[in-house]
Protein backbone atom coordinates (compact mmCIF):
# COMPACT_ATOMS: atom_id res chain seq x y z
CA MET A 1 -9.85 4.35 11.94
CA SER A 2 -9.59 6.72 9.35
CA PRO A 3 -6.81 9.00 9.40
CA ALA A 4 -9.47 11.86 9.32
CA ARG A 5 -9.80 10.81 12.95
CA LEU A 6 -6.25 12.00 13.90
CA ILE A 7 -6.99 15.59 13.38
CA LEU A 8 -9.23 15.82 16.47
CA SER A 9 -10.69 19.46 16.50
CA SER A 10 -11.24 22.07 13.93
CA GLY A 11 -10.54 24.88 16.57
CA ASP A 12 -14.47 25.58 16.81
CA PRO A 13 -16.48 23.45 19.08
CA THR A 14 -19.56 24.05 17.16
CA VAL A 15 -17.92 22.93 14.04
CA ASP A 16 -16.69 19.70 15.67
CA ARG A 17 -20.29 19.04 17.37
CA ARG A 18 -21.64 19.17 13.71
CA ILE A 19 -18.80 16.60 12.49
CA GLU A 20 -19.43 14.15 15.14
CA TRP A 21 -23.46 14.64 14.19
CA ALA A 22 -22.77 13.89 10.51
CA ARG A 23 -20.60 10.89 11.52
CA ALA A 24 -23.40 9.40 12.78
CA LEU A 25 -26.04 10.28 10.33
CA MET A 26 -23.33 8.66 8.29
CA ALA A 27 -23.18 5.27 10.07
CA GLU A 28 -27.32 5.48 10.12
CA GLY A 29 -27.18 5.37 6.63
CA ASN A 30 -28.34 9.51 6.03
CA ALA A 31 -26.10 10.44 3.86
CA PRO A 32 -27.84 13.46 2.63
CA ASP A 33 -28.40 15.04 5.51
CA ALA A 34 -24.98 14.54 6.74
CA ALA A 35 -23.46 16.44 3.86
CA ALA A 36 -25.76 19.20 4.73
CA LEU A 37 -24.56 19.17 7.98
CA LEU A 38 -20.74 19.20 6.71
CA VAL A 39 -21.37 21.86 4.22
CA GLU A 40 -22.10 23.93 7.44
CA ALA A 41 -19.17 23.05 8.80
CA VAL A 42 -16.74 23.77 6.39
CA GLU A 43 -18.27 27.40 5.92
CA ARG A 44 -17.51 28.13 9.01
CA ALA A 45 -13.99 26.39 9.35
CA GLY A 46 -13.11 26.16 5.64
CA HIS A 47 -9.39 25.60 6.77
CA TYR A 48 -10.43 22.29 8.27
CA ALA A 49 -9.27 19.47 5.77
CA PRO A 50 -10.97 16.63 7.44
CA GLY A 51 -14.30 18.49 7.29
CA TRP A 52 -13.77 18.59 3.21
CA PHE A 53 -12.75 15.11 3.37
CA LEU A 54 -15.78 13.85 5.31
CA LEU A 55 -18.21 16.08 2.72
CA GLY A 56 -16.20 14.34 -0.17
CA GLY A 57 -17.38 11.02 1.27
CA ALA A 58 -21.11 12.28 2.33
CA ARG A 59 -21.21 13.38 -0.78
CA GLU A 60 -20.18 10.38 -2.61
CA ALA A 61 -22.50 8.41 -0.55
CA ALA A 62 -25.22 10.37 -1.55
CA GLY A 63 -24.77 9.73 -5.34
CA ASP A 64 -23.33 13.18 -6.02
CA LEU A 65 -19.88 12.40 -7.39
CA ALA A 66 -18.97 15.91 -8.96
CA GLY A 67 -19.65 17.29 -5.53
CA ALA A 68 -17.39 14.68 -3.86
CA ILE A 69 -14.78 15.06 -6.18
CA GLU A 70 -14.97 18.97 -5.25
CA ALA A 71 -14.74 18.33 -1.61
CA TYR A 72 -11.79 15.95 -1.51
CA GLY A 73 -10.02 18.57 -4.19
CA HIS A 74 -10.43 21.43 -1.02
CA ALA A 75 -9.07 18.74 1.52
CA LEU A 76 -5.99 18.08 -1.20
CA ASP A 77 -5.44 21.63 -1.47
CA LEU A 78 -5.60 22.09 2.42
CA ASP A 79 -2.97 19.16 3.06
CA PRO A 80 -0.74 19.07 0.17
CA THR A 81 1.31 15.74 1.55
CA ASP A 82 -2.25 14.15 1.67
CA THR A 83 -2.14 12.46 4.96
CA LEU A 84 -6.00 11.59 4.31
CA GLY A 85 -5.63 10.29 0.90
CA ALA A 86 -8.11 12.79 -0.85
CA GLY A 87 -6.10 12.29 -4.01
CA LEU A 88 -6.78 8.62 -4.45
CA HIS A 89 -10.39 9.34 -3.69
CA ILE A 90 -10.52 11.78 -6.72
CA VAL A 91 -8.88 9.55 -9.22
CA ARG A 92 -10.81 6.52 -8.00
CA LEU A 93 -14.00 8.63 -8.50
CA GLY A 94 -12.39 9.38 -12.41
CA GLY A 95 -11.10 12.76 -11.19
CA THR A 96 -7.94 14.09 -12.58
CA LEU A 97 -5.23 16.02 -10.78
CA PRO A 98 -2.85 18.55 -11.71
CA GLU A 99 0.15 16.34 -11.49
CA ALA A 100 -1.40 13.71 -13.15
CA GLY A 101 0.78 11.52 -15.21
CA GLY A 102 2.56 7.77 -14.82
CA ALA A 103 1.64 4.27 -15.74
CA GLY A 104 -2.34 3.64 -15.45
CA THR A 105 -3.61 5.59 -12.69
CA GLY A 106 -1.88 8.59 -13.07
CA PHE A 107 -1.12 9.02 -9.27
CA GLY A 108 0.76 7.66 -7.16
CA MET A 109 -0.24 7.07 -3.03
CA SER A 110 1.07 9.56 -0.57
CA GLU A 111 3.87 8.38 1.86
CA ALA A 112 2.03 10.45 4.29
CA TYR A 113 -0.93 8.81 3.75
CA VAL A 114 0.30 5.12 4.10
CA ARG A 115 2.47 6.12 6.89
CA THR A 116 -0.30 7.47 9.03
CA LEU A 117 -2.75 4.54 8.08
CA PHE A 118 -0.47 1.76 9.32
CA ASP A 119 0.87 3.92 12.29
CA GLN A 120 -2.90 3.95 13.84
CA TYR A 121 -3.15 0.31 12.58
CA ALA A 122 0.19 -1.55 13.75
CA ASP A 123 -1.10 -2.93 17.08
CA ARG A 124 -4.14 -4.23 15.37
CA PHE A 125 -2.31 -5.64 12.26
CA ASP A 126 -1.65 -9.11 12.81
CA ALA A 127 -4.79 -10.05 13.94
CA ALA A 128 -6.78 -8.01 11.13
CA LEU A 129 -4.58 -10.02 8.67
CA ALA A 130 -5.72 -12.99 10.54
CA ARG A 131 -9.29 -12.41 10.14
CA LEU A 132 -8.65 -11.78 6.47
CA GLY A 133 -7.05 -15.11 6.15
CA TYR A 134 -3.60 -13.73 5.05
CA ARG A 135 -1.48 -16.37 3.15
CA GLY A 136 1.11 -14.18 1.79
CA PRO A 137 4.36 -15.24 3.91
CA GLU A 138 3.56 -19.12 3.25
CA LEU A 139 2.89 -18.44 -0.58
CA ILE A 140 6.20 -16.51 -0.96
CA ASP A 141 8.05 -19.32 1.44
CA ALA A 142 6.63 -21.76 -1.27
CA ALA A 143 7.17 -20.01 -4.58
CA LEU A 144 10.52 -19.64 -3.20
CA ALA A 145 11.62 -23.12 -2.54
CA GLU A 146 9.80 -24.05 -5.80
CA ALA A 147 11.91 -21.50 -7.87
CA CYS A 148 15.37 -22.39 -5.99
CA HIS A 149 14.62 -26.19 -7.26
CA ALA A 150 13.80 -25.14 -10.86
CA LEU A 151 17.24 -23.40 -10.91
CA SER A 152 19.04 -26.06 -9.14
CA ARG A 153 20.03 -23.92 -6.35
CA PRO A 154 19.88 -24.67 -2.79
CA TYR A 155 17.07 -22.64 -0.92
CA ALA A 156 19.35 -20.46 0.88
CA PHE A 157 20.71 -16.90 0.78
CA GLY A 158 23.24 -15.01 2.29
CA ARG A 159 21.13 -11.70 2.62
CA GLY A 160 17.76 -10.43 2.27
CA LEU A 161 15.83 -7.38 2.31
CA ASP A 162 12.35 -6.91 3.53
CA LEU A 163 10.55 -4.08 1.16
CA GLY A 164 7.76 -2.90 3.27
CA CYS A 165 8.14 -5.21 5.82
CA GLY A 166 5.32 -4.29 8.38
CA THR A 167 5.26 -6.46 11.26
CA GLY A 168 8.08 -9.12 9.93
CA LEU A 169 5.34 -11.89 9.16
CA VAL A 170 7.14 -12.99 5.58
CA ALA A 171 10.78 -12.43 7.24
CA LEU A 172 9.74 -14.56 10.09
CA ARG A 173 8.64 -17.29 7.66
CA LEU A 174 11.73 -17.05 5.64
CA ALA A 175 14.48 -16.31 8.39
CA ASP A 176 15.67 -20.17 8.42
CA HIS A 177 16.60 -19.75 4.57
CA VAL A 178 18.58 -16.00 4.86
CA GLY A 179 21.67 -15.29 6.36
CA GLY A 180 20.96 -11.88 7.11
CA LEU A 181 17.91 -9.63 6.96
CA ASP A 182 17.47 -6.18 6.73
CA GLY A 183 13.69 -4.59 6.29
CA VAL A 184 12.13 -0.99 5.56
CA ASP A 185 8.71 -0.12 6.14
CA LEU A 186 7.05 3.42 5.89
CA SER A 187 5.42 3.29 9.25
CA PRO A 188 7.77 3.59 12.57
CA ASN A 189 5.13 1.91 14.37
CA MET A 190 5.20 -1.18 12.24
CA ILE A 191 9.20 -1.18 12.26
CA ALA A 192 9.10 -1.38 16.26
CA LEU A 193 6.92 -4.38 16.02
CA ALA A 194 9.10 -6.28 13.24
CA LEU A 195 11.98 -5.49 15.32
CA ARG A 196 10.47 -7.50 18.28
CA ARG A 197 10.59 -10.47 16.04
CA GLY A 198 14.55 -10.56 16.02
CA VAL A 199 14.88 -11.80 12.67
CA TYR A 200 16.39 -8.38 11.42
CA GLU A 201 19.71 -7.17 11.54
CA ARG A 202 18.49 -3.70 10.74
CA ALA A 203 15.04 -2.32 9.75
CA VAL A 204 14.39 1.25 9.44
CA ALA A 205 11.14 3.53 8.75
CA GLY A 206 11.22 4.91 5.47
CA GLU A 207 10.04 4.77 1.35
CA MET A 208 10.98 1.33 -0.48
CA VAL A 209 12.57 2.88 -3.48
CA ALA A 210 14.68 5.42 -1.63
CA PHE A 211 15.63 2.53 0.75
CA LEU A 212 17.12 0.67 -2.22
CA LYS A 213 18.73 3.72 -3.77
CA GLY A 214 20.83 3.85 -0.36
CA ARG A 215 22.49 0.55 -0.96
CA THR A 216 25.08 -0.45 -2.93
CA GLY A 217 24.96 -2.32 -6.11
CA GLU A 218 25.10 -6.00 -5.71
CA ASP A 219 24.66 -5.79 -2.23
CA VAL A 220 22.17 -8.66 -1.80
CA ASP A 221 21.02 -12.29 -3.27
CA LEU A 222 17.30 -12.16 -2.01
CA ILE A 223 14.87 -9.23 -1.86
CA PHE A 224 10.73 -10.06 -0.99
CA ALA A 225 7.75 -8.16 -0.67
CA GLY A 226 4.78 -9.38 0.77
CA ASP A 227 1.35 -7.23 0.26
CA ALA A 228 3.59 -4.43 -0.61
CA PHE A 229 3.54 -3.59 -3.88
CA CYS A 230 -0.62 -2.69 -3.86
CA TYR A 231 0.75 0.55 -2.40
CA LEU A 232 2.69 1.32 -5.61
CA ASP A 233 0.91 2.21 -8.91
CA ASP A 234 4.01 2.14 -11.25
CA LEU A 235 6.53 -0.83 -10.45
CA GLY A 236 9.00 0.13 -12.57
CA PRO A 237 11.29 2.38 -10.01
CA ILE A 238 10.99 -0.63 -7.59
CA LEU A 239 12.08 -3.38 -9.78
CA GLY A 240 14.82 -1.37 -11.77
CA GLU A 241 16.20 -0.73 -8.16
CA SER A 242 15.90 -4.10 -7.04
CA ARG A 243 17.71 -5.14 -10.11
CA ARG A 244 20.71 -2.88 -9.35
CA VAL A 245 20.65 -4.22 -6.04
CA LEU A 246 20.54 -7.83 -6.42
CA GLU A 247 23.67 -9.95 -6.91
CA PRO A 248 24.01 -11.65 -10.29
CA GLY A 249 21.56 -14.69 -10.02
CA GLY A 250 19.79 -13.29 -7.27
CA LEU A 251 15.96 -13.44 -6.85
CA ILE A 252 13.13 -10.92 -5.98
CA ALA A 253 9.80 -12.56 -4.83
CA PHE A 254 6.46 -10.29 -4.32
CA THR A 255 2.93 -10.55 -4.22
CA VAL A 256 0.62 -8.16 -5.91
CA GLU A 257 -3.26 -7.98 -6.46
CA THR A 258 -4.31 -8.37 -9.62
CA HIS A 259 -7.13 -7.60 -12.34
CA ASP A 260 -8.49 -9.10 -15.57
CA GLY A 261 -8.23 -5.59 -17.64
CA GLU A 262 -5.10 -3.86 -18.99
CA GLY A 263 -2.22 -1.90 -16.95
CA ILE A 264 -2.98 -0.39 -13.37
CA ARG A 265 -6.42 -0.43 -11.45
CA LEU A 266 -6.96 1.54 -8.34
CA ARG A 267 -9.42 -0.47 -6.63
CA ASP A 268 -12.22 0.94 -4.33
CA THR A 269 -10.15 -0.51 -1.31
CA LEU A 270 -7.60 2.34 -2.27
CA ARG A 271 -5.15 -0.37 -3.01
CA PHE A 272 -3.58 -0.88 -6.71
CA ALA A 273 -4.42 -3.68 -8.64
CA HIS A 274 -1.56 -4.80 -11.50
CA ALA A 275 -2.81 -6.83 -14.39
CA GLU A 276 -0.68 -10.26 -15.32
CA ALA A 277 0.59 -8.58 -19.19
CA TYR A 278 1.60 -5.18 -17.01
CA VAL A 279 3.51 -7.28 -14.56
CA ARG A 280 5.43 -9.47 -16.76
CA ALA A 281 5.94 -6.13 -19.27
CA ALA A 282 7.53 -4.32 -15.87
CA LEU A 283 9.82 -7.17 -15.36
CA GLU A 284 11.13 -7.16 -18.79
CA ALA A 285 11.87 -3.58 -18.57
CA ALA A 286 13.64 -3.71 -15.68
CA GLY A 287 15.86 -6.63 -17.00
CA LEU A 288 14.66 -9.31 -14.42
CA GLU A 289 14.43 -12.36 -16.04
CA LEU A 290 10.88 -14.10 -14.98
CA VAL A 291 11.23 -17.59 -13.10
CA SER A 292 7.64 -18.19 -11.70
CA LEU A 293 4.31 -16.38 -11.92
CA THR A 294 1.15 -18.00 -10.51
CA ALA A 295 -2.43 -16.63 -9.78
CA GLN A 296 -2.74 -16.57 -5.95
CA SER A 297 -4.94 -14.96 -3.65
CA THR A 298 -3.24 -13.91 -0.43
CA ARG A 299 -6.20 -12.47 1.59
CA ARG A 300 -9.96 -12.57 1.57
CA GLU A 301 -12.35 -9.33 1.36
CA LYS A 302 -15.92 -9.15 2.55
CA ASP A 303 -15.41 -13.39 2.47
CA GLN A 304 -14.28 -13.48 -1.32
CA PRO A 305 -10.45 -13.97 -2.34
CA VAL A 306 -8.78 -11.12 -3.74
CA PRO A 307 -7.30 -12.15 -7.03
CA GLY A 308 -3.69 -11.83 -6.80
CA LEU A 309 0.15 -12.91 -8.32
CA VAL A 310 3.07 -14.75 -6.59
CA VAL A 311 5.95 -13.83 -8.63
CA VAL A 312 9.40 -14.77 -8.64
CA ALA A 313 12.08 -13.46 -10.95
CA ALA A 314 15.87 -13.37 -11.47
CA LYS A 315 19.03 -11.02 -12.08
CA GLY A 316 20.31 -12.75 -14.96
């Protein structure tokens, strides 16, 4: 379900009918007629951000990329918190935003968009990942076991933090190796499901970097993140705060999606991919020492493995 579905009515029944007809036309592959209907809809209800957002999608499908960027821009103007993810679509299509800046993409993912996306997805999350062949928990588990062996230390930690914990799949896999676990995720609905696992001492709804900033220095000896950093563009802040919170000798383990180019790329899936050279440089800039970096796919899309990296680094 798209976040655009969450705002159910424009307040004008005529507009709502045209929007539903446009959705049906889009489903049939008739994007030009859908776009024409949506133009009529937004002329009557210019305040309705989902109408503009859907017009952006219809214009894009019809090949009118400039028109799509314009429509997504109207949606973003009407919803500055960007619940619908319009800003991501603008950047993906090559447009720019006034606040653009940052490492590679020029635009981060809004908290409102991620929270809305996963709040509505929570009950189907585990089943969806199973269909995608998600292997994040076992890959992080194996990478940590190998890293501990290489460092001649036991595979055991006193306290761990699970960043972007989702429903707790990675924590469940690692629980026998960690004395105490805390988790954080933007979605309250995901947190509610994670707590049912019974592996967390505490799990809270919040943003990952802000969560780390609220921790004292040298607080834990393990931080991990499975399939979470793909929702961040610049990894510098999360890695820098992770180093501060880790005890000396503590480890951070995470997965990212990757690509063969340079820097950061916003994929058509609206997830960020980080080049291997970028990840290495970001770790070095944060003062973290790379222990292992392996090319591993954590999931499949359209029956093809998504290129990824599994990373373990240490606070020296």
